[in-house]
Amino acid sequence: MNEKKLPANITQKDGYVEIEFSESMPKDAIEKQVNQCIAETCDCCTPEFREKVVNFDVSELSFNKVKVYGTISEDEVKGNVLSCAPKLKRK
């Protein structure tokens, strides 16, 4: 299978999944997209994904890191990031 190139490194941690975007990704674009996901106004998060997410943490945004807390897997976050990523690049 040909996996699409992710604009971030995604790692399963204990109780959350960490997304580390490349330094070339504008922090304001990341924050705007995450805020849309939190507000459930984005069109990239599926209802199933939202149900599993408890919280998004952007406290390490200075390092281009976002943490997604919940009963969510690394693969589910990868799929979601792939659908959100084109929107990030356009901003």
Protein backbone atom coordinates (compact mmCIF):
# COMPACT_ATOMS: atom_id res chain seq x y z
CA MET A 1 0.00 0.00 0.00
CA ASN A 2 1.23 3.45 -0.85
CA GLU A 3 1.01 5.60 2.28
CA LYS A 4 0.62 9.32 1.70
CA LYS A 5 3.32 11.58 3.06
CA LEU A 6 2.22 13.00 6.39
CA PRO A 7 2.99 16.66 7.19
CA ALA A 8 3.76 15.59 10.75
CA ASN A 9 5.26 12.88 12.93
CA ILE A 10 2.51 11.10 14.85
CA THR A 11 3.37 9.06 17.92
CA GLN A 12 1.22 7.01 20.28
CA LYS A 13 1.96 7.96 23.89
CA ASP A 14 0.41 6.88 27.20
CA GLY A 15 -3.14 8.27 27.10
CA TYR A 16 -2.67 10.52 24.08
CA VAL A 17 -1.33 10.79 20.56
CA GLU A 18 1.30 13.45 19.83
CA ILE A 19 1.39 15.26 16.49
CA GLU A 20 4.63 17.07 15.72
CA PHE A 21 4.32 19.21 12.61
CA SER A 22 7.31 20.25 10.52
CA GLU A 23 8.89 23.60 11.36
CA SER A 24 7.72 24.93 7.98
CA MET A 25 4.08 24.58 9.05
CA PRO A 26 2.82 27.98 10.29
CA LYS A 27 1.88 27.82 13.96
CA ASP A 28 -1.13 30.06 13.43
CA ALA A 29 -2.45 27.67 10.76
CA ILE A 30 -2.07 24.72 13.15
CA GLU A 31 -3.78 26.61 15.96
CA LYS A 32 -6.64 27.73 13.71
CA GLN A 33 -7.22 24.17 12.47
CA VAL A 34 -7.11 22.69 15.99
CA ASN A 35 -9.54 25.36 17.21
CA GLN A 36 -11.94 24.38 14.42
CA CYS A 37 -11.60 20.71 15.45
CA ILE A 38 -12.29 21.63 19.10
CA ALA A 39 -15.32 23.72 18.12
CA GLU A 40 -16.47 20.90 15.82
CA THR A 41 -16.68 23.36 12.94
CA CYS A 42 -14.06 21.62 10.80
CA ASP A 43 -14.96 19.20 8.05
CA CYS A 44 -11.97 16.91 8.54
CA CYS A 45 -12.89 15.25 11.86
CA THR A 46 -15.39 12.41 11.50
CA PRO A 47 -18.13 12.00 14.13
CA GLU A 48 -16.45 8.73 15.17
CA PHE A 49 -13.13 10.54 15.66
CA ARG A 50 -14.76 13.32 17.70
CA GLU A 51 -16.47 10.80 19.99
CA LYS A 52 -13.11 9.30 20.92
CA VAL A 53 -11.31 12.60 21.53
CA VAL A 54 -11.46 14.05 25.03
CA ASN A 55 -9.19 17.05 24.52
CA PHE A 56 -6.68 18.76 22.23
CA ASP A 57 -3.63 20.30 23.91
CA VAL A 58 -1.74 23.04 22.05
CA SER A 59 0.43 24.10 25.01
CA GLU A 60 3.55 22.94 23.11
CA LEU A 61 2.60 24.72 19.91
CA SER A 62 5.87 26.66 20.16
CA PHE A 63 7.48 23.31 19.24
CA ASN A 64 4.76 22.66 16.60
CA LYS A 65 3.32 19.90 18.81
CA VAL A 66 -0.33 19.11 19.42
CA LYS A 67 -1.53 16.38 21.77
CA VAL A 68 -4.82 14.58 21.20
CA TYR A 69 -6.21 12.94 24.35
CA GLY A 70 -8.81 10.20 24.35
CA THR A 71 -9.37 6.59 23.40
CA ILE A 72 -7.80 7.17 20.03
CA SER A 73 -5.09 5.34 18.12
CA GLU A 74 -2.11 6.61 16.21
CA ASP A 75 -3.64 5.26 12.97
CA GLU A 76 -6.91 7.11 13.57
CA VAL A 77 -5.02 10.36 14.13
CA LYS A 78 -2.95 9.75 10.98
CA GLY A 79 -6.12 9.38 8.92
CA ASN A 80 -7.56 12.53 10.42
CA VAL A 81 -4.36 14.55 9.93
CA LEU A 82 -4.26 13.47 6.27
CA SER A 83 -7.74 14.88 5.77
CA CYS A 84 -6.96 18.13 7.69
CA ALA A 85 -3.48 18.66 6.21
CA PRO A 86 -4.51 20.03 2.79
CA LYS A 87 -6.44 22.77 4.59
CA LEU A 88 -3.38 23.64 6.68
CA LYS A 89 -1.20 24.05 3.60
CA ARG A 90 -3.67 26.47 1.95
CA LYS A 91 -3.68 28.89 4.85
